[in-house]
Amino acid sequence: MRKPVKKSTSKMSKNHFEERFAQMVGEYNAAKEELATLEEGTAEYIKQNKLCEKLFASAERFINSHQ
């Protein structure tokens, strides 16, 4: 029995792209706001800063891969 062939969806629809990117930006902004409330140099601040950097990098990769 043959396996069904998956169709490559190399291009996302514009609407889906915008929705996903808006969600990513919202997550980043929420994390950045929380980072602003923390005291710099604490373990919590460092953890939150790493999360912000990870979210930003993820959004940047998303943009670069869908151009």
C-alpha atoms as a PDB file:
ATOM      1  CA  MET A   1       0.000   0.000   0.000  1.00  0.00           C
ATOM      2  CA  ARG A   2       1.382   3.392  -0.968  1.00  0.00           C
ATOM      3  CA  LYS A   3       1.647   6.243   1.450  1.00  0.00           C
ATOM      4  CA  PRO A   4      -0.269   9.375   0.523  1.00  0.00           C
ATOM      5  CA  VAL A   5       1.887  12.108  -0.934  1.00  0.00           C
ATOM      6  CA  LYS A   6       2.117  15.245   1.138  1.00  0.00           C
ATOM      7  CA  LYS A   7       1.820  18.378  -0.892  1.00  0.00           C
ATOM      8  CA  SER A   8       4.435  20.972  -0.118  1.00  0.00           C
ATOM      9  CA  THR A   9       2.948  24.252   0.978  1.00  0.00           C
ATOM     10  CA  SER A  10       5.991  26.407   0.446  1.00  0.00           C
ATOM     11  CA  LYS A  11       3.938  29.583   0.361  1.00  0.00           C
ATOM     12  CA  MET A  12       1.489  30.381   3.097  1.00  0.00           C
ATOM     13  CA  SER A  13      -1.600  32.338   2.284  1.00  0.00           C
ATOM     14  CA  LYS A  14      -1.145  36.009   3.017  1.00  0.00           C
ATOM     15  CA  ASN A  15      -3.942  36.048   5.584  1.00  0.00           C
ATOM     16  CA  HIS A  16      -2.536  33.085   7.520  1.00  0.00           C
ATOM     17  CA  PHE A  17       0.937  34.620   7.439  1.00  0.00           C
ATOM     18  CA  GLU A  18      -0.321  37.899   8.883  1.00  0.00           C
ATOM     19  CA  GLU A  19      -2.287  36.135  11.629  1.00  0.00           C
ATOM     20  CA  ARG A  20       0.677  34.013  12.673  1.00  0.00           C
ATOM     21  CA  PHE A  21       3.058  36.965  12.622  1.00  0.00           C
ATOM     22  CA  ALA A  22       0.641  39.106  14.644  1.00  0.00           C
ATOM     23  CA  GLN A  23       0.467  36.331  17.247  1.00  0.00           C
ATOM     24  CA  MET A  24       4.270  36.142  17.419  1.00  0.00           C
ATOM     25  CA  VAL A  25       4.569  39.907  17.814  1.00  0.00           C
ATOM     26  CA  GLY A  26       1.945  39.858  20.576  1.00  0.00           C
ATOM     27  CA  GLU A  27       3.840  37.159  22.475  1.00  0.00           C
ATOM     28  CA  TYR A  28       7.073  39.133  22.133  1.00  0.00           C
ATOM     29  CA  ASN A  29       5.483  42.388  23.294  1.00  0.00           C
ATOM     30  CA  ALA A  30       3.937  40.685  26.335  1.00  0.00           C
ATOM     31  CA  ALA A  31       7.291  39.150  27.266  1.00  0.00           C
ATOM     32  CA  LYS A  32       9.038  42.511  26.772  1.00  0.00           C
ATOM     33  CA  GLU A  33       6.501  44.270  29.033  1.00  0.00           C
ATOM     34  CA  GLU A  34       7.082  41.689  31.749  1.00  0.00           C
ATOM     35  CA  LEU A  35      10.834  42.125  31.337  1.00  0.00           C
ATOM     36  CA  ALA A  36      10.472  45.864  31.934  1.00  0.00           C
ATOM     37  CA  THR A  37       8.895  45.210  35.344  1.00  0.00           C
ATOM     38  CA  LEU A  38      11.776  43.030  36.548  1.00  0.00           C
ATOM     39  CA  GLU A  39      14.937  44.263  38.223  1.00  0.00           C
ATOM     40  CA  GLU A  40      17.979  43.999  35.986  1.00  0.00           C
ATOM     41  CA  GLY A  41      20.580  41.421  36.985  1.00  0.00           C
ATOM     42  CA  THR A  42      18.276  39.012  38.817  1.00  0.00           C
ATOM     43  CA  ALA A  43      17.816  35.389  37.782  1.00  0.00           C
ATOM     44  CA  GLU A  44      14.218  36.108  36.762  1.00  0.00           C
ATOM     45  CA  TYR A  45      15.364  39.007  34.576  1.00  0.00           C
ATOM     46  CA  ILE A  46      17.959  36.839  32.838  1.00  0.00           C
ATOM     47  CA  LYS A  47      15.407  34.086  32.229  1.00  0.00           C
ATOM     48  CA  GLN A  48      12.859  36.553  30.823  1.00  0.00           C
ATOM     49  CA  ASN A  49      15.515  38.229  28.668  1.00  0.00           C
ATOM     50  CA  LYS A  50      16.442  34.862  27.144  1.00  0.00           C
ATOM     51  CA  LEU A  51      12.760  34.254  26.406  1.00  0.00           C
ATOM     52  CA  CYS A  52      12.498  37.650  24.692  1.00  0.00           C
ATOM     53  CA  GLU A  53      15.571  36.928  22.590  1.00  0.00           C
ATOM     54  CA  LYS A  54      14.185  33.496  21.657  1.00  0.00           C
ATOM     55  CA  LEU A  55      10.814  34.963  20.626  1.00  0.00           C
ATOM     56  CA  PHE A  56      12.494  37.688  18.572  1.00  0.00           C
ATOM     57  CA  ALA A  57      14.738  35.178  16.803  1.00  0.00           C
ATOM     58  CA  SER A  58      11.758  32.959  16.094  1.00  0.00           C
ATOM     59  CA  ALA A  59       9.830  35.837  14.533  1.00  0.00           C
ATOM     60  CA  GLU A  60      12.869  36.848  12.512  1.00  0.00           C
ATOM     61  CA  ARG A  61      13.298  33.303  11.163  1.00  0.00           C
ATOM     62  CA  PHE A  62       9.585  33.189  10.347  1.00  0.00           C
ATOM     63  CA  ILE A  63       9.844  36.399   8.313  1.00  0.00           C
ATOM     64  CA  ASN A  64      12.980  35.259   6.506  1.00  0.00           C
ATOM     65  CA  SER A  65      11.546  31.880   5.612  1.00  0.00           C
ATOM     66  CA  HIS A  66       8.323  33.304   4.158  1.00  0.00           C
ATOM     67  CA  GLN A  67       9.620  36.036   1.918  1.00  0.00           C
END
